Amino acid sequence: MKVIGFWEYKPDDVNKVIERWMAKLKVNDPDFPKTIYGPYELFSPIFPNENRQGFTILEVEKLEQLAAISSFYVPLLNWRFIPILENSITVEVFNKWQQK
């Protein structure tokens, strides 16, 4: 399953977040989800926020991987995860519901 992981942290913690991220890259722990896109930081004058925000697209084999990555960054970084469904799966589910 693919998920978008939106993250946020305080600007004062940038060096600590980078250190933690670099440590994660060295570990390559199978308990963590695989990063397939990103991380990318969001800068928008339309949605100003005092914290730094961004997103990463992850591939998850089991939900415990999301808990592992969240716990790894606590208390520096807050995550929110949203699953990404491929259109073929969405259409399949829709068709099943239509048949009922």
Protein backbone atom coordinates (compact mmCIF):
# COMPACT_ATOMS: atom_id res chain seq x y z
CA MET A 1 0.00 0.00 0.00
CA LYS A 2 1.19 3.50 -0.75
CA VAL A 3 0.59 6.41 1.61
CA ILE A 4 1.30 10.11 1.62
CA GLY A 5 2.99 11.04 4.87
CA PHE A 6 2.51 14.70 5.68
CA TRP A 7 4.98 15.92 8.28
CA GLU A 8 5.53 19.05 10.30
CA TYR A 9 8.20 20.33 12.66
CA LYS A 10 9.30 23.51 14.38
CA PRO A 11 11.94 25.56 12.51
CA ASP A 12 14.19 25.54 15.60
CA ASP A 13 14.39 21.72 15.32
CA VAL A 14 15.65 21.63 11.72
CA ASN A 15 19.17 20.42 12.61
CA LYS A 16 17.82 17.69 14.90
CA VAL A 17 15.35 16.54 12.24
CA ILE A 18 18.11 16.37 9.63
CA GLU A 19 20.34 14.38 12.02
CA ARG A 20 17.51 11.94 12.72
CA TRP A 21 16.74 11.60 8.99
CA MET A 22 20.41 10.91 8.18
CA ALA A 23 20.49 8.26 10.93
CA LYS A 24 17.40 6.62 9.40
CA LEU A 25 19.08 6.49 5.98
CA LYS A 26 22.10 4.67 7.47
CA VAL A 27 19.98 2.10 9.32
CA ASN A 28 17.79 0.98 6.38
CA ASP A 29 15.52 -0.82 8.87
CA PRO A 30 12.88 -3.14 7.35
CA ASP A 31 10.54 -2.04 10.15
CA PHE A 32 10.32 1.34 8.41
CA PRO A 33 8.28 1.92 5.25
CA LYS A 34 10.16 2.36 2.00
CA THR A 35 10.43 5.96 0.77
CA ILE A 36 9.48 6.07 -2.90
CA TYR A 37 9.11 9.84 -3.43
CA GLY A 38 10.49 12.72 -1.44
CA PRO A 39 10.79 14.09 1.15
CA TYR A 40 9.60 17.44 -0.17
CA GLU A 41 9.06 20.62 1.79
CA LEU A 42 5.98 22.79 1.18
CA PHE A 43 6.34 26.56 0.98
CA SER A 44 3.11 28.42 0.38
CA PRO A 45 2.19 32.03 1.06
CA ILE A 46 -1.44 30.96 0.58
CA PHE A 47 -1.31 28.67 3.63
CA PRO A 48 1.21 30.32 5.94
CA ASN A 49 2.30 28.31 8.94
CA GLU A 50 4.94 28.99 11.54
CA ASN A 51 6.10 25.35 11.32
CA ARG A 52 7.93 23.70 8.44
CA GLN A 53 5.76 21.25 6.52
CA GLY A 54 6.19 18.73 3.77
CA PHE A 55 5.34 15.29 2.52
CA THR A 56 6.87 11.97 1.59
CA ILE A 57 5.28 9.12 -0.36
CA LEU A 58 5.90 5.79 1.33
CA GLU A 59 5.33 2.16 0.44
CA VAL A 60 3.99 0.20 3.40
CA GLU A 61 3.83 -3.58 3.75
CA LYS A 62 2.30 -3.53 7.22
CA LEU A 63 0.72 -0.78 9.30
CA GLU A 64 3.27 -1.26 12.07
CA GLN A 65 5.80 0.41 9.76
CA LEU A 66 3.87 3.68 10.06
CA ALA A 67 4.01 3.42 13.83
CA ALA A 68 7.77 2.72 13.62
CA ILE A 69 8.55 5.75 11.47
CA SER A 70 6.34 7.99 13.62
CA SER A 71 7.99 6.77 16.82
CA PHE A 72 11.47 7.22 15.36
CA TYR A 73 10.92 10.97 14.92
CA VAL A 74 9.07 11.64 18.20
CA PRO A 75 9.03 14.34 19.59
CA LEU A 76 10.62 16.33 16.75
CA LEU A 77 8.30 15.63 13.86
CA ASN A 78 4.55 15.04 13.62
CA TRP A 79 3.16 12.76 10.89
CA ARG A 80 -0.27 12.35 9.27
CA PHE A 81 -0.75 9.47 6.85
CA ILE A 82 -3.28 9.19 4.03
CA PRO A 83 -3.54 6.02 1.93
CA ILE A 84 -3.23 6.33 -1.84
CA LEU A 85 -5.48 4.03 -3.86
CA GLU A 86 -4.82 3.22 -7.49
CA ASN A 87 -7.76 3.94 -9.78
CA SER A 88 -8.10 0.26 -10.70
CA ILE A 89 -8.74 -0.59 -7.04
CA THR A 90 -11.20 2.27 -6.64
CA VAL A 91 -13.13 1.18 -9.74
CA GLU A 92 -13.18 -2.45 -8.54
CA VAL A 93 -14.60 -1.46 -5.15
CA PHE A 94 -17.13 0.87 -6.77
CA ASN A 95 -18.32 -1.89 -9.12
CA LYS A 96 -18.75 -4.32 -6.20
CA TRP A 97 -20.89 -1.77 -4.34
CA GLN A 98 -22.98 -1.12 -7.46
CA GLN A 99 -23.81 -4.83 -7.74
CA LYS A 100 -25.26 -5.01 -4.21
